Amino acid sequence: MSTFYRLSIALLPMSLLLACLLCLLLFLETRLVYPAPQGGNAVANDFGADECFFAAEDGTRLHAWFFERPDAERALVFFHGNGECIETCGPRVGKLAEALNASVLIFDYRGYGKSDGNPGERGVVQDGVAAVDWFCERTGKNSDEVVFLGYSIGGGVAIQVAKQRPPQAFVIVASFSSLVDVAADLLPWLPVRVLMENRYESEKTLATLDIPLQQIHGARDRLVPLRLAERLFAAAAASQKQLTVVPDKGHNDLDLREFVPTIKAFLDKIAP
């Protein structure tokens, strides 16, 4: 029996173990990145919204709420976080729409709420493009007249969508330089930079886009450390950008209604 053959036999259990570990990591990644809550029985009309459905490019049926204001000063598409869905954050978005005097669309990514399909970066970005297209058709706007507001992973989605549908401006809240950076910070003992499929490379993308950027981030954010938001801000090619650091807030306790004056002041400056 050759040495090579004996070595191959000896390494076989380890190879099988590594293959199983890889499969487990990929399985867990989807569930950790996309918890995909299903919501409840909230009714859009009860919160002043129209319920609507539209399809992504691949035919996946998506669910959305549209807050339309006839006298709106702004047009905004809201990209929610990975642990949210329309029914958990839609009512808050409705109050934000009122405070900003904006027409706002909030939609669920595939696999979330009443949206069909299974989430993954490529499909979720496709969902974002479809949402922007639907919103522009409904409001008569071009994408460069629409603000993209993204919370947490929603910021990553919004930034990737902008490569295909450039917005008027970004408002990016509690988001990251890349999702891989977040995972590497939380799980430094795992080779996530090699293995992760859902990457959301926001830092690389913003370095190529001169689109006004406002970032809001909690200094006490333990999920997405402030330094990752600062990296994103430093890399952004935007000639007009602003980073607001909130000293006493973490990742999930940023109430955007508290920052309406800050958001309005920034948007008024870049598009009076």
C-alpha atoms as a PDB file:
ATOM      1  CA  MET A   1       0.000   0.000   0.000  1.00  0.00           C
ATOM      2  CA  SER A   2       1.494   3.338  -1.070  1.00  0.00           C
ATOM      3  CA  THR A   3       2.156   6.158   1.370  1.00  0.00           C
ATOM      4  CA  PHE A   4      -0.195   8.406  -0.595  1.00  0.00           C
ATOM      5  CA  TYR A   5      -3.004   5.862  -0.356  1.00  0.00           C
ATOM      6  CA  ARG A   6      -2.500   5.395   3.408  1.00  0.00           C
ATOM      7  CA  LEU A   7      -2.479   9.171   3.882  1.00  0.00           C
ATOM      8  CA  SER A   8      -5.685   9.545   1.840  1.00  0.00           C
ATOM      9  CA  ILE A   9      -7.418   6.912   3.986  1.00  0.00           C
ATOM     10  CA  ALA A  10      -6.234   8.635   7.167  1.00  0.00           C
ATOM     11  CA  LEU A  11      -7.491  12.034   6.036  1.00  0.00           C
ATOM     12  CA  LEU A  12     -10.859  10.826   4.806  1.00  0.00           C
ATOM     13  CA  PRO A  13     -12.690  11.205   8.161  1.00  0.00           C
ATOM     14  CA  MET A  14     -11.306  14.711   8.562  1.00  0.00           C
ATOM     15  CA  SER A  15     -12.381  15.624   5.028  1.00  0.00           C
ATOM     16  CA  LEU A  16     -15.884  14.343   5.693  1.00  0.00           C
ATOM     17  CA  LEU A  17     -16.002  16.263   8.963  1.00  0.00           C
ATOM     18  CA  LEU A  18     -14.927  19.487   7.244  1.00  0.00           C
ATOM     19  CA  ALA A  19     -17.503  18.955   4.500  1.00  0.00           C
ATOM     20  CA  CYS A  20     -20.245  18.473   7.102  1.00  0.00           C
ATOM     21  CA  LEU A  21     -19.063  21.562   8.974  1.00  0.00           C
ATOM     22  CA  LEU A  22     -19.162  23.599   5.764  1.00  0.00           C
ATOM     23  CA  CYS A  23     -22.715  22.456   5.012  1.00  0.00           C
ATOM     24  CA  LEU A  24     -23.757  23.289   8.572  1.00  0.00           C
ATOM     25  CA  LEU A  25     -22.239  26.769   8.358  1.00  0.00           C
ATOM     26  CA  LEU A  26     -23.991  27.509   5.074  1.00  0.00           C
ATOM     27  CA  PHE A  27     -27.280  26.243   6.538  1.00  0.00           C
ATOM     28  CA  LEU A  28     -26.887  28.376   9.653  1.00  0.00           C
ATOM     29  CA  GLU A  29     -25.832  31.435   7.638  1.00  0.00           C
ATOM     30  CA  THR A  30     -29.190  31.713   5.908  1.00  0.00           C
ATOM     31  CA  ARG A  31     -31.081  31.417   9.175  1.00  0.00           C
ATOM     32  CA  LEU A  32     -28.871  33.889  11.015  1.00  0.00           C
ATOM     33  CA  VAL A  33     -28.784  36.475   8.232  1.00  0.00           C
ATOM     34  CA  TYR A  34     -32.473  36.115   7.339  1.00  0.00           C
ATOM     35  CA  PRO A  35     -34.638  35.173  10.365  1.00  0.00           C
ATOM     36  CA  ALA A  36     -37.601  36.120   8.132  1.00  0.00           C
ATOM     37  CA  PRO A  37     -40.399  36.893  10.619  1.00  0.00           C
ATOM     38  CA  GLN A  38     -43.849  36.256   9.218  1.00  0.00           C
ATOM     39  CA  GLY A  39     -45.753  39.064  10.943  1.00  0.00           C
ATOM     40  CA  GLY A  40     -49.328  38.872  12.098  1.00  0.00           C
ATOM     41  CA  ASN A  41     -52.691  40.278  11.110  1.00  0.00           C
ATOM     42  CA  ALA A  42     -51.961  43.999  10.860  1.00  0.00           C
ATOM     43  CA  VAL A  43     -54.081  45.774   8.243  1.00  0.00           C
ATOM     44  CA  ALA A  44     -52.400  48.419   6.096  1.00  0.00           C
ATOM     45  CA  ASN A  45     -55.470  50.672   5.982  1.00  0.00           C
ATOM     46  CA  ASP A  46     -55.514  50.868   9.781  1.00  0.00           C
ATOM     47  CA  PHE A  47     -52.210  52.731   9.569  1.00  0.00           C
ATOM     48  CA  GLY A  48     -53.006  54.924   6.580  1.00  0.00           C
ATOM     49  CA  ALA A  49     -51.286  52.732   3.986  1.00  0.00           C
ATOM     50  CA  ASP A  50     -52.324  50.942   0.813  1.00  0.00           C
ATOM     51  CA  GLU A  51     -51.459  47.257   0.665  1.00  0.00           C
ATOM     52  CA  CYS A  52     -49.851  46.283  -2.625  1.00  0.00           C
ATOM     53  CA  PHE A  53     -48.136  43.389  -4.353  1.00  0.00           C
ATOM     54  CA  PHE A  54     -45.679  43.315  -7.234  1.00  0.00           C
ATOM     55  CA  ALA A  55     -43.200  40.863  -8.736  1.00  0.00           C
ATOM     56  CA  ALA A  56     -39.423  40.798  -8.798  1.00  0.00           C
ATOM     57  CA  GLU A  57     -37.641  40.172 -12.092  1.00  0.00           C
ATOM     58  CA  ASP A  58     -37.640  36.413 -11.482  1.00  0.00           C
ATOM     59  CA  GLY A  59     -41.391  36.422 -10.811  1.00  0.00           C
ATOM     60  CA  THR A  60     -41.240  36.257  -7.008  1.00  0.00           C
ATOM     61  CA  ARG A  61     -44.366  37.904  -5.551  1.00  0.00           C
ATOM     62  CA  LEU A  62     -43.570  40.657  -3.034  1.00  0.00           C
ATOM     63  CA  HIS A  63     -45.699  42.417  -0.445  1.00  0.00           C
ATOM     64  CA  ALA A  64     -45.551  46.119   0.395  1.00  0.00           C
ATOM     65  CA  TRP A  65     -47.294  48.995   2.159  1.00  0.00           C
ATOM     66  CA  PHE A  66     -47.468  52.354   0.427  1.00  0.00           C
ATOM     67  CA  PHE A  67     -47.927  55.526   2.467  1.00  0.00           C
ATOM     68  CA  GLU A  68     -49.014  58.138  -0.055  1.00  0.00           C
ATOM     69  CA  ARG A  69     -49.178  61.816   0.814  1.00  0.00           C
ATOM     70  CA  PRO A  70     -50.706  64.075  -1.877  1.00  0.00           C
ATOM     71  CA  ASP A  71     -48.662  67.070  -0.718  1.00  0.00           C
ATOM     72  CA  ALA A  72     -45.454  65.091  -0.140  1.00  0.00           C
ATOM     73  CA  GLU A  73     -42.192  66.995  -0.098  1.00  0.00           C
ATOM     74  CA  ARG A  74     -40.127  63.815  -0.407  1.00  0.00           C
ATOM     75  CA  ALA A  75     -40.279  60.331  -1.911  1.00  0.00           C
ATOM     76  CA  LEU A  76     -38.667  57.527   0.079  1.00  0.00           C
ATOM     77  CA  VAL A  77     -38.204  53.750  -0.118  1.00  0.00           C
ATOM     78  CA  PHE A  78     -37.593  52.064   3.240  1.00  0.00           C
ATOM     79  CA  PHE A  79     -35.370  48.958   3.449  1.00  0.00           C
ATOM     80  CA  HIS A  80     -35.979  47.298   6.813  1.00  0.00           C
ATOM     81  CA  GLY A  81     -33.653  45.222   8.985  1.00  0.00           C
ATOM     82  CA  ASN A  82     -33.254  41.462   8.841  1.00  0.00           C
ATOM     83  CA  GLY A  83     -35.296  40.799  11.982  1.00  0.00           C
ATOM     84  CA  GLU A  84     -38.250  42.943  10.903  1.00  0.00           C
ATOM     85  CA  CYS A  85     -41.135  42.753   8.487  1.00  0.00           C
ATOM     86  CA  ILE A  86     -43.789  45.192   7.335  1.00  0.00           C
ATOM     87  CA  GLU A  87     -46.164  44.354  10.150  1.00  0.00           C
ATOM     88  CA  THR A  88     -43.570  44.950  12.880  1.00  0.00           C
ATOM     89  CA  CYS A  89     -42.101  48.204  11.589  1.00  0.00           C
ATOM     90  CA  GLY A  90     -44.706  49.465   9.102  1.00  0.00           C
ATOM     91  CA  PRO A  91     -46.671  51.460  11.697  1.00  0.00           C
ATOM     92  CA  ARG A  92     -43.473  53.275  12.757  1.00  0.00           C
ATOM     93  CA  VAL A  93     -42.624  53.957   9.116  1.00  0.00           C
ATOM     94  CA  GLY A  94     -46.075  55.476   8.669  1.00  0.00           C
ATOM     95  CA  LYS A  95     -45.365  57.941  11.484  1.00  0.00           C
ATOM     96  CA  LEU A  96     -41.978  58.693   9.937  1.00  0.00           C
ATOM     97  CA  ALA A  97     -43.669  59.385   6.590  1.00  0.00           C
ATOM     98  CA  GLU A  98     -45.964  61.848   8.317  1.00  0.00           C
ATOM     99  CA  ALA A  99     -43.115  63.544  10.176  1.00  0.00           C
ATOM    100  CA  LEU A 100     -41.046  63.906   6.984  1.00  0.00           C
ATOM    101  CA  ASN A 101     -44.102  64.735   4.862  1.00  0.00           C
ATOM    102  CA  ALA A 102     -42.977  62.020   2.476  1.00  0.00           C
ATOM    103  CA  SER A 103     -44.616  59.350   0.366  1.00  0.00           C
ATOM    104  CA  VAL A 104     -42.991  56.116   1.521  1.00  0.00           C
ATOM    105  CA  LEU A 105     -42.898  52.508   0.331  1.00  0.00           C
ATOM    106  CA  ILE A 106     -41.900  49.748   2.716  1.00  0.00           C
ATOM    107  CA  PHE A 107     -41.659  46.231   1.318  1.00  0.00           C
ATOM    108  CA  ASP A 108     -40.823  42.749   2.558  1.00  0.00           C
ATOM    109  CA  TYR A 109     -37.894  40.856   1.111  1.00  0.00           C
ATOM    110  CA  ARG A 110     -38.605  37.410  -0.322  1.00  0.00           C
ATOM    111  CA  GLY A 111     -39.410  34.944   2.434  1.00  0.00           C
ATOM    112  CA  TYR A 112     -40.493  37.719   4.804  1.00  0.00           C
ATOM    113  CA  GLY A 113     -44.087  38.356   5.849  1.00  0.00           C
ATOM    114  CA  LYS A 114     -46.416  37.786   2.918  1.00  0.00           C
ATOM    115  CA  SER A 115     -43.664  37.848   0.291  1.00  0.00           C
ATOM    116  CA  ASP A 116     -42.975  34.560  -1.488  1.00  0.00           C
ATOM    117  CA  GLY A 117     -39.641  32.866  -2.042  1.00  0.00           C
ATOM    118  CA  ASN A 118     -36.467  32.260  -0.053  1.00  0.00           C
ATOM    119  CA  PRO A 119     -34.012  35.032   0.826  1.00  0.00           C
ATOM    120  CA  GLY A 120     -30.442  35.355  -0.406  1.00  0.00           C
ATOM    121  CA  GLU A 121     -28.377  38.394  -1.342  1.00  0.00           C
ATOM    122  CA  ARG A 122     -28.925  38.203  -5.092  1.00  0.00           C
ATOM    123  CA  GLY A 123     -32.682  37.731  -4.752  1.00  0.00           C
ATOM    124  CA  VAL A 124     -33.115  40.339  -2.010  1.00  0.00           C
ATOM    125  CA  VAL A 125     -31.290  42.958  -4.081  1.00  0.00           C
ATOM    126  CA  GLN A 126     -33.551  42.018  -6.994  1.00  0.00           C
ATOM    127  CA  ASP A 127     -36.508  42.619  -4.663  1.00  0.00           C
ATOM    128  CA  GLY A 128     -35.171  46.070  -3.865  1.00  0.00           C
ATOM    129  CA  VAL A 129     -34.874  46.957  -7.541  1.00  0.00           C
ATOM    130  CA  ALA A 130     -38.472  45.813  -8.105  1.00  0.00           C
ATOM    131  CA  ALA A 131     -39.675  47.903  -5.152  1.00  0.00           C
ATOM    132  CA  VAL A 132     -37.963  51.023  -6.473  1.00  0.00           C
ATOM    133  CA  ASP A 133     -39.360  50.441  -9.963  1.00  0.00           C
ATOM    134  CA  TRP A 134     -42.899  49.973  -8.609  1.00  0.00           C
ATOM    135  CA  PHE A 135     -42.605  53.079  -6.445  1.00  0.00           C
ATOM    136  CA  CYS A 136     -41.285  55.196  -9.319  1.00  0.00           C
ATOM    137  CA  GLU A 137     -44.077  54.047 -11.616  1.00  0.00           C
ATOM    138  CA  ARG A 138     -46.709  54.765  -8.956  1.00  0.00           C
ATOM    139  CA  THR A 139     -45.374  58.217  -8.048  1.00  0.00           C
ATOM    140  CA  GLY A 140     -44.108  59.304 -11.463  1.00  0.00           C
ATOM    141  CA  LYS A 141     -40.607  59.767 -10.066  1.00  0.00           C
ATOM    142  CA  ASN A 142     -37.205  58.710 -11.332  1.00  0.00           C
ATOM    143  CA  SER A 143     -34.961  56.836  -8.905  1.00  0.00           C
ATOM    144  CA  ASP A 144     -32.719  59.896  -8.593  1.00  0.00           C
ATOM    145  CA  GLU A 145     -35.685  61.716  -7.053  1.00  0.00           C
ATOM    146  CA  VAL A 146     -36.126  59.038  -4.385  1.00  0.00           C
ATOM    147  CA  VAL A 147     -34.344  58.730  -1.032  1.00  0.00           C
ATOM    148  CA  PHE A 148     -33.246  55.242   0.036  1.00  0.00           C
ATOM    149  CA  LEU A 149     -33.496  54.738   3.797  1.00  0.00           C
ATOM    150  CA  GLY A 150     -31.908  51.497   4.985  1.00  0.00           C
ATOM    151  CA  TYR A 151     -31.777  50.152   8.540  1.00  0.00           C
ATOM    152  CA  SER A 152     -29.077  47.595   9.451  1.00  0.00           C
ATOM    153  CA  ILE A 153     -28.959  44.986   6.671  1.00  0.00           C
ATOM    154  CA  GLY A 154     -31.458  47.196   4.835  1.00  0.00           C
ATOM    155  CA  GLY A 155     -28.618  49.667   4.387  1.00  0.00           C
ATOM    156  CA  GLY A 156     -26.608  46.954   2.672  1.00  0.00           C
ATOM    157  CA  VAL A 157     -29.539  46.123   0.399  1.00  0.00           C
ATOM    158  CA  ALA A 158     -30.178  49.785  -0.458  1.00  0.00           C
ATOM    159  CA  ILE A 159     -26.544  50.376  -1.361  1.00  0.00           C
ATOM    160  CA  GLN A 160     -26.444  47.349  -3.693  1.00  0.00           C
ATOM    161  CA  VAL A 161     -29.730  48.395  -5.322  1.00  0.00           C
ATOM    162  CA  ALA A 162     -28.174  51.809  -6.016  1.00  0.00           C
ATOM    163  CA  LYS A 163     -25.759  50.234  -8.494  1.00  0.00           C
ATOM    164  CA  GLN A 164     -28.773  49.637 -10.726  1.00  0.00           C
ATOM    165  CA  ARG A 165     -31.143  52.412  -9.563  1.00  0.00           C
ATOM    166  CA  PRO A 166     -29.139  55.394  -8.232  1.00  0.00           C
ATOM    167  CA  PRO A 167     -31.163  57.353  -5.624  1.00  0.00           C
ATOM    168  CA  GLN A 168     -31.310  61.032  -4.774  1.00  0.00           C
ATOM    169  CA  ALA A 169     -29.649  60.307  -1.433  1.00  0.00           C
ATOM    170  CA  PHE A 170     -28.994  57.617   1.157  1.00  0.00           C
ATOM    171  CA  VAL A 171     -30.034  57.657   4.793  1.00  0.00           C
ATOM    172  CA  ILE A 172     -28.186  54.665   6.247  1.00  0.00           C
ATOM    173  CA  VAL A 173     -28.917  53.713   9.856  1.00  0.00           C
ATOM    174  CA  ALA A 174     -27.057  51.220  12.071  1.00  0.00           C
ATOM    175  CA  SER A 175     -25.412  49.619   9.054  1.00  0.00           C
ATOM    176  CA  PHE A 176     -21.988  48.233   8.181  1.00  0.00           C
ATOM    177  CA  SER A 177     -18.959  48.312   5.906  1.00  0.00           C
ATOM    178  CA  SER A 178     -19.847  44.774   4.822  1.00  0.00           C
ATOM    179  CA  LEU A 179     -21.854  41.924   6.312  1.00  0.00           C
ATOM    180  CA  VAL A 180     -18.694  39.821   6.277  1.00  0.00           C
ATOM    181  CA  ASP A 181     -17.014  42.372   8.557  1.00  0.00           C
ATOM    182  CA  VAL A 182     -19.884  42.038  11.035  1.00  0.00           C
ATOM    183  CA  ALA A 183     -19.684  38.236  10.990  1.00  0.00           C
ATOM    184  CA  ALA A 184     -15.887  38.271  11.378  1.00  0.00           C
ATOM    185  CA  ASP A 185     -16.227  40.562  14.383  1.00  0.00           C
ATOM    186  CA  LEU A 186     -18.864  38.356  16.029  1.00  0.00           C
ATOM    187  CA  LEU A 187     -17.297  34.993  15.066  1.00  0.00           C
ATOM    188  CA  PRO A 188     -13.535  35.579  14.802  1.00  0.00           C
ATOM    189  CA  TRP A 189     -12.741  31.845  15.107  1.00  0.00           C
ATOM    190  CA  LEU A 190     -14.644  30.941  11.923  1.00  0.00           C
ATOM    191  CA  PRO A 191     -13.391  31.499   8.324  1.00  0.00           C
ATOM    192  CA  VAL A 192     -16.414  33.623   7.443  1.00  0.00           C
ATOM    193  CA  ARG A 193     -14.500  35.809   4.988  1.00  0.00           C
ATOM    194  CA  VAL A 194     -13.974  32.748   2.815  1.00  0.00           C
ATOM    195  CA  LEU A 195     -17.259  30.944   3.358  1.00  0.00           C
ATOM    196  CA  MET A 196     -20.020  33.565   3.504  1.00  0.00           C
ATOM    197  CA  GLU A 197     -22.334  33.803   0.509  1.00  0.00           C
ATOM    198  CA  ASN A 198     -24.247  36.888   1.706  1.00  0.00           C
ATOM    199  CA  ARG A 199     -21.623  39.605   1.692  1.00  0.00           C
ATOM    200  CA  TYR A 200     -23.259  43.010   1.068  1.00  0.00           C
ATOM    201  CA  GLU A 201     -20.000  44.813   0.269  1.00  0.00           C
ATOM    202  CA  SER A 202     -21.262  48.311   1.088  1.00  0.00           C
ATOM    203  CA  GLU A 203     -17.825  49.862   1.572  1.00  0.00           C
ATOM    204  CA  LYS A 204     -16.624  48.843  -1.878  1.00  0.00           C
ATOM    205  CA  THR A 205     -19.835  49.988  -3.524  1.00  0.00           C
ATOM    206  CA  LEU A 206     -20.056  53.412  -1.866  1.00  0.00           C
ATOM    207  CA  ALA A 207     -16.465  54.064  -2.879  1.00  0.00           C
ATOM    208  CA  THR A 208     -17.720  54.139  -6.482  1.00  0.00           C
ATOM    209  CA  LEU A 209     -20.890  56.239  -6.010  1.00  0.00           C
ATOM    210  CA  ASP A 210     -21.065  60.009  -5.629  1.00  0.00           C
ATOM    211  CA  ILE A 211     -24.499  60.006  -3.994  1.00  0.00           C
ATOM    212  CA  PRO A 212     -25.253  62.155  -0.921  1.00  0.00           C
ATOM    213  CA  LEU A 213     -24.986  60.063   2.223  1.00  0.00           C
ATOM    214  CA  GLN A 214     -26.325  60.534   5.722  1.00  0.00           C
ATOM    215  CA  GLN A 215     -25.414  57.935   8.327  1.00  0.00           C
ATOM    216  CA  ILE A 216     -26.898  57.572  11.806  1.00  0.00           C
ATOM    217  CA  HIS A 217     -25.303  55.127  14.232  1.00  0.00           C
ATOM    218  CA  GLY A 218     -25.456  54.334  17.922  1.00  0.00           C
ATOM    219  CA  ALA A 219     -22.170  54.566  19.792  1.00  0.00           C
ATOM    220  CA  ARG A 220     -23.238  51.597  21.948  1.00  0.00           C
ATOM    221  CA  ASP A 221     -24.099  49.335  19.017  1.00  0.00           C
ATOM    222  CA  ARG A 222     -22.772  45.876  19.926  1.00  0.00           C
ATOM    223  CA  LEU A 223     -23.989  44.097  16.791  1.00  0.00           C
ATOM    224  CA  VAL A 224     -22.530  46.531  14.248  1.00  0.00           C
ATOM    225  CA  PRO A 225     -19.688  48.332  16.041  1.00  0.00           C
ATOM    226  CA  LEU A 226     -19.347  52.040  15.363  1.00  0.00           C
ATOM    227  CA  ARG A 227     -15.944  51.518  13.748  1.00  0.00           C
ATOM    228  CA  LEU A 228     -17.598  49.591  10.892  1.00  0.00           C
ATOM    229  CA  ALA A 229     -19.950  52.518  10.260  1.00  0.00           C
ATOM    230  CA  GLU A 230     -16.969  54.868  10.349  1.00  0.00           C
ATOM    231  CA  ARG A 231     -15.180  52.700   7.792  1.00  0.00           C
ATOM    232  CA  LEU A 232     -18.201  52.915   5.519  1.00  0.00           C
ATOM    233  CA  PHE A 233     -18.356  56.677   5.928  1.00  0.00           C
ATOM    234  CA  ALA A 234     -14.645  57.131   5.249  1.00  0.00           C
ATOM    235  CA  ALA A 235     -14.831  55.029   2.083  1.00  0.00           C
ATOM    236  CA  ALA A 236     -17.881  56.777   0.617  1.00  0.00           C
ATOM    237  CA  ALA A 237     -17.097  58.817  -2.485  1.00  0.00           C
ATOM    238  CA  ALA A 238     -20.025  61.160  -1.791  1.00  0.00           C
ATOM    239  CA  SER A 239     -19.107  64.836  -2.008  1.00  0.00           C
ATOM    240  CA  GLN A 240     -21.918  65.514   0.479  1.00  0.00           C
ATOM    241  CA  LYS A 241     -21.962  63.229   3.491  1.00  0.00           C
ATOM    242  CA  GLN A 242     -22.734  63.392   7.180  1.00  0.00           C
ATOM    243  CA  LEU A 243     -22.269  60.956  10.068  1.00  0.00           C
ATOM    244  CA  THR A 244     -24.396  61.393  13.193  1.00  0.00           C
ATOM    245  CA  VAL A 245     -23.212  59.344  16.170  1.00  0.00           C
ATOM    246  CA  VAL A 246     -25.791  58.919  18.937  1.00  0.00           C
ATOM    247  CA  PRO A 247     -23.933  58.485  22.253  1.00  0.00           C
ATOM    248  CA  ASP A 248     -26.508  56.586  24.307  1.00  0.00           C
ATOM    249  CA  LYS A 249     -28.039  54.286  21.676  1.00  0.00           C
ATOM    250  CA  GLY A 250     -27.338  50.742  20.507  1.00  0.00           C
ATOM    251  CA  HIS A 251     -28.454  48.782  17.460  1.00  0.00           C
ATOM    252  CA  ASN A 252     -32.179  48.285  17.978  1.00  0.00           C
ATOM    253  CA  ASP A 253     -33.214  51.352  19.958  1.00  0.00           C
ATOM    254  CA  LEU A 254     -32.752  54.091  17.368  1.00  0.00           C
ATOM    255  CA  ASP A 255     -36.158  55.727  16.876  1.00  0.00           C
ATOM    256  CA  LEU A 256     -35.893  57.482  13.531  1.00  0.00           C
ATOM    257  CA  ARG A 257     -38.626  59.929  14.481  1.00  0.00           C
ATOM    258  CA  GLU A 258     -36.148  61.466  16.928  1.00  0.00           C
ATOM    259  CA  PHE A 259     -33.870  62.285  14.004  1.00  0.00           C
ATOM    260  CA  VAL A 260     -36.443  63.837  11.689  1.00  0.00           C
ATOM    261  CA  PRO A 261     -34.956  67.362  12.089  1.00  0.00           C
ATOM    262  CA  THR A 262     -31.476  66.009  11.294  1.00  0.00           C
ATOM    263  CA  ILE A 263     -32.705  64.040   8.278  1.00  0.00           C
ATOM    264  CA  LYS A 264     -34.783  66.950   6.962  1.00  0.00           C
ATOM    265  CA  ALA A 265     -31.902  69.394   7.345  1.00  0.00           C
ATOM    266  CA  PHE A 266     -29.593  67.106   5.368  1.00  0.00           C
ATOM    267  CA  LEU A 267     -32.115  66.433   2.605  1.00  0.00           C
ATOM    268  CA  ASP A 268     -32.990  70.140   2.367  1.00  0.00           C
ATOM    269  CA  LYS A 269     -29.301  70.883   1.903  1.00  0.00           C
ATOM    270  CA  ILE A 270     -28.765  68.405  -0.917  1.00  0.00           C
ATOM    271  CA  ALA A 271     -32.133  68.912  -2.651  1.00  0.00           C
ATOM    272  CA  PRO A 272     -34.018  72.013  -1.437  1.00  0.00           C
END
